[in-house]
Structure formats: C-alpha cells, structure tokens
Amino acid sequence: MKKLVLGAALAILVMNPAAGFGAGGLDSFIANLNVQARADLPGFKANLSATFGVPMPRVEAVIARVQAPADAYMVMKVGQVAKQPEEVVLGEYQANKGKGWGVIAKNLGIKPGSREFHELKKGFNGDDTGKGKGKGKGKGKGKR
C-alpha cells in the first residue's frame, strides 16, 4: 500500500511538478523529487519514460550519466523546452553542472525572459507572471 501511495505521489510530481512545492522553488523541488525517486527508482524511471515519451533504455542511460535522479528529469525537461536531444543537454550538464540549471538552460538557447524560459520556469513553480513580449496564452493577468 505504501508503494502505491508513493507511486501516485511521484506520478503527480513528474506529470505536474508545480504540485510538489510552493515557495521553495527549484532547489526544493529537486530535493523532494530526489527523495521520492530514490524511494521507488523503478517507478520514477517508468514515469519519466511515460511523461517524456522516452524508451526505458534511454531513461536508464540518462540516469546513469547524472548525479541524482532529479537531474535526469531536468535533462529531459530542459531538452523538451529547448527542443534539444538528451545528448546535447547531457553535454551541457557535464560541462556546467556546478553552475546550476539556469546556466545550462541559457547555454542551450533558453534566454531569460523568453517564452521558453517562462515555460520552463512555469514547470517548476506554476508562476505565469512573466513579463515577456509576444502572444502568449496568459491567465488573465494582463492590463484591465
């Protein structure tokens, strides 16, 4: 029963990262995701595979090349937003993992303030208050 509850919680986090944290931000999200992933690594891998449409051998290959399971999630999420394959993101991760995911995303063409940056950021904290220009799908927070 405990595994079923943990698996459901992990599925919610992987499918909707904003459900996993409030004001704690990215660091808190990654820490929580690592705790949950380590408690049920096979379930975490299955959820990554399903969420990102990546075959299990590729998920396992990414996990083997990062420091922590949540980094595998980030490789796939940043790759999805930057429209880059995992290998490209992994190369940037290996070169800049000490600098943080913001630097990695920027180096992959996700410019701070851009629609892509806000998409990535929204995936972490549900924030849709970016002031970027363009025709985005806002949530009623425009001029009144």
Protein backbone atom coordinates (compact mmCIF):
# COMPACT_ATOMS: atom_id res chain seq x y z
CA MET A 1 0.00 0.00 0.00
CA LYS A 2 2.85 2.38 0.86
CA LYS A 3 4.41 1.84 -2.59
CA LEU A 4 1.07 2.55 -4.26
CA VAL A 5 0.71 5.87 -2.44
CA LEU A 6 4.33 6.81 -3.14
CA GLY A 7 3.94 5.85 -6.78
CA ALA A 8 0.83 8.00 -7.13
CA ALA A 9 2.59 10.96 -5.48
CA LEU A 10 5.60 10.56 -7.76
CA ALA A 11 3.35 10.35 -10.82
CA ILE A 12 1.70 13.61 -9.81
CA LEU A 13 5.08 15.30 -9.32
CA VAL A 14 6.55 14.11 -12.58
CA MET A 15 3.45 14.97 -14.59
CA ASN A 16 2.85 18.27 -12.75
CA PRO A 17 5.97 19.50 -10.99
CA ALA A 18 4.12 22.53 -9.65
CA ALA A 19 2.18 20.18 -7.34
CA GLY A 20 5.32 19.30 -5.45
CA PHE A 21 6.35 22.58 -3.92
CA GLY A 22 5.29 26.07 -3.08
CA ALA A 23 7.62 28.91 -2.27
CA GLY A 24 10.64 26.58 -2.02
CA GLY A 25 11.44 26.93 -5.71
CA LEU A 26 13.58 24.76 -7.92
CA ASP A 27 16.05 23.59 -5.26
CA SER A 28 13.22 22.38 -3.04
CA PHE A 29 11.51 20.66 -5.96
CA ILE A 30 14.71 18.86 -6.98
CA ALA A 31 15.41 17.77 -3.39
CA ASN A 32 11.88 16.41 -2.96
CA LEU A 33 11.95 14.69 -6.32
CA ASN A 34 15.26 13.01 -5.44
CA VAL A 35 13.86 11.69 -2.15
CA GLN A 36 10.83 10.25 -3.91
CA ALA A 37 12.83 8.87 -6.83
CA ARG A 38 15.26 7.08 -4.53
CA ALA A 39 12.35 5.54 -2.62
CA ASP A 40 10.97 3.99 -5.82
CA LEU A 41 13.54 4.25 -8.61
CA PRO A 42 11.77 1.77 -10.94
CA GLY A 43 8.54 3.76 -10.64
CA PHE A 44 10.41 7.03 -11.20
CA LYS A 45 12.01 5.62 -14.35
CA ALA A 46 8.64 4.41 -15.64
CA ASN A 47 7.10 7.83 -15.00
CA LEU A 48 9.94 9.61 -16.82
CA SER A 49 9.51 7.25 -19.75
CA ALA A 50 5.77 7.86 -19.91
CA THR A 51 5.90 11.60 -19.29
CA PHE A 52 8.52 12.40 -21.91
CA GLY A 53 7.77 9.56 -24.34
CA VAL A 54 11.29 8.20 -23.96
CA PRO A 55 12.04 4.47 -24.14
CA MET A 56 13.17 2.92 -20.85
CA PRO A 57 16.74 2.18 -22.07
CA ARG A 58 17.22 5.89 -22.83
CA VAL A 59 15.83 6.85 -19.41
CA GLU A 60 18.27 4.45 -17.75
CA ALA A 61 21.16 5.81 -19.85
CA VAL A 62 20.38 9.38 -18.77
CA ILE A 63 20.06 8.39 -15.10
CA ALA A 64 23.43 6.63 -15.31
CA ARG A 65 25.11 9.84 -16.51
CA VAL A 66 23.77 12.31 -13.92
CA GLN A 67 24.48 12.83 -10.24
CA ALA A 68 20.91 12.41 -9.00
CA PRO A 69 17.60 11.13 -10.39
CA ALA A 70 16.04 14.61 -10.45
CA ASP A 71 18.82 15.70 -12.78
CA ALA A 72 17.55 13.12 -15.26
CA TYR A 73 14.12 14.77 -15.04
CA MET A 74 15.77 18.16 -15.64
CA VAL A 75 17.75 16.84 -18.63
CA MET A 76 14.50 15.74 -20.23
CA LYS A 77 12.52 18.85 -19.27
CA VAL A 78 15.19 21.30 -20.45
CA GLY A 79 15.63 19.23 -23.62
CA GLN A 80 11.89 19.36 -24.26
CA VAL A 81 11.70 23.14 -23.79
CA ALA A 82 14.94 23.85 -25.69
CA LYS A 83 14.00 21.35 -28.38
CA GLN A 84 17.34 19.61 -27.94
CA PRO A 85 18.10 15.88 -27.65
CA GLU A 86 19.17 14.45 -24.31
CA GLU A 87 22.75 14.05 -25.54
CA VAL A 88 23.10 17.78 -26.14
CA VAL A 89 21.60 18.62 -22.72
CA LEU A 90 23.81 16.00 -21.06
CA GLY A 91 26.91 17.54 -22.64
CA GLU A 92 25.95 20.95 -21.30
CA TYR A 93 25.11 19.39 -17.92
CA GLN A 94 28.53 17.70 -17.69
CA ALA A 95 30.29 20.96 -18.54
CA ASN A 96 28.24 23.21 -16.23
CA LYS A 97 26.52 21.13 -13.55
CA GLY A 98 28.20 23.15 -10.81
CA LYS A 99 26.69 26.37 -12.15
CA GLY A 100 23.06 25.27 -11.96
CA TRP A 101 20.20 24.52 -14.29
CA GLY A 102 19.57 28.18 -15.13
CA VAL A 103 23.03 28.45 -16.71
CA ILE A 104 22.54 25.17 -18.54
CA ALA A 105 19.19 26.31 -19.93
CA LYS A 106 20.64 29.66 -21.02
CA ASN A 107 23.54 27.93 -22.78
CA LEU A 108 21.02 25.83 -24.69
CA GLY A 109 19.28 28.89 -26.05
CA ILE A 110 16.59 29.41 -23.43
CA LYS A 111 17.04 33.12 -22.92
CA PRO A 112 15.97 34.65 -19.61
CA GLY A 113 12.63 36.37 -20.10
CA SER A 114 11.78 34.41 -23.25
CA ARG A 115 8.60 32.40 -23.72
CA GLU A 116 10.69 29.22 -23.43
CA PHE A 117 12.25 30.39 -20.17
CA HIS A 118 8.83 31.11 -18.72
CA GLU A 119 7.60 27.70 -19.91
CA LEU A 120 10.50 26.05 -18.10
CA LYS A 121 10.01 28.22 -15.03
CA LYS A 122 6.27 27.58 -15.01
CA GLY A 123 7.01 23.88 -14.90
CA PHE A 124 8.71 24.39 -11.54
CA ASN A 125 6.53 26.78 -9.63
CA GLY A 126 3.34 27.35 -11.56
CA ASP A 127 4.28 31.01 -11.98
CA ASP A 128 2.81 32.62 -15.06
CA THR A 129 3.67 36.20 -14.18
CA GLY A 130 6.48 36.60 -16.69
CA LYS A 131 6.59 39.92 -18.44
CA GLY A 132 7.94 38.60 -21.72
CA LYS A 133 6.73 40.07 -25.00
CA GLY A 134 4.74 38.16 -27.55
CA LYS A 135 1.44 36.44 -27.98
CA GLY A 136 1.44 34.01 -25.09
CA LYS A 137 -1.53 32.33 -23.54
CA GLY A 138 -1.89 34.37 -20.38
CA LYS A 139 -4.06 33.56 -17.41
CA GLY A 140 -5.95 36.83 -17.11
CA LYS A 141 -3.09 38.80 -15.59
CA GLY A 142 -2.89 41.37 -18.36
CA LYS A 143 -3.98 45.00 -18.36
CA ARG A 144 -7.51 45.70 -17.22
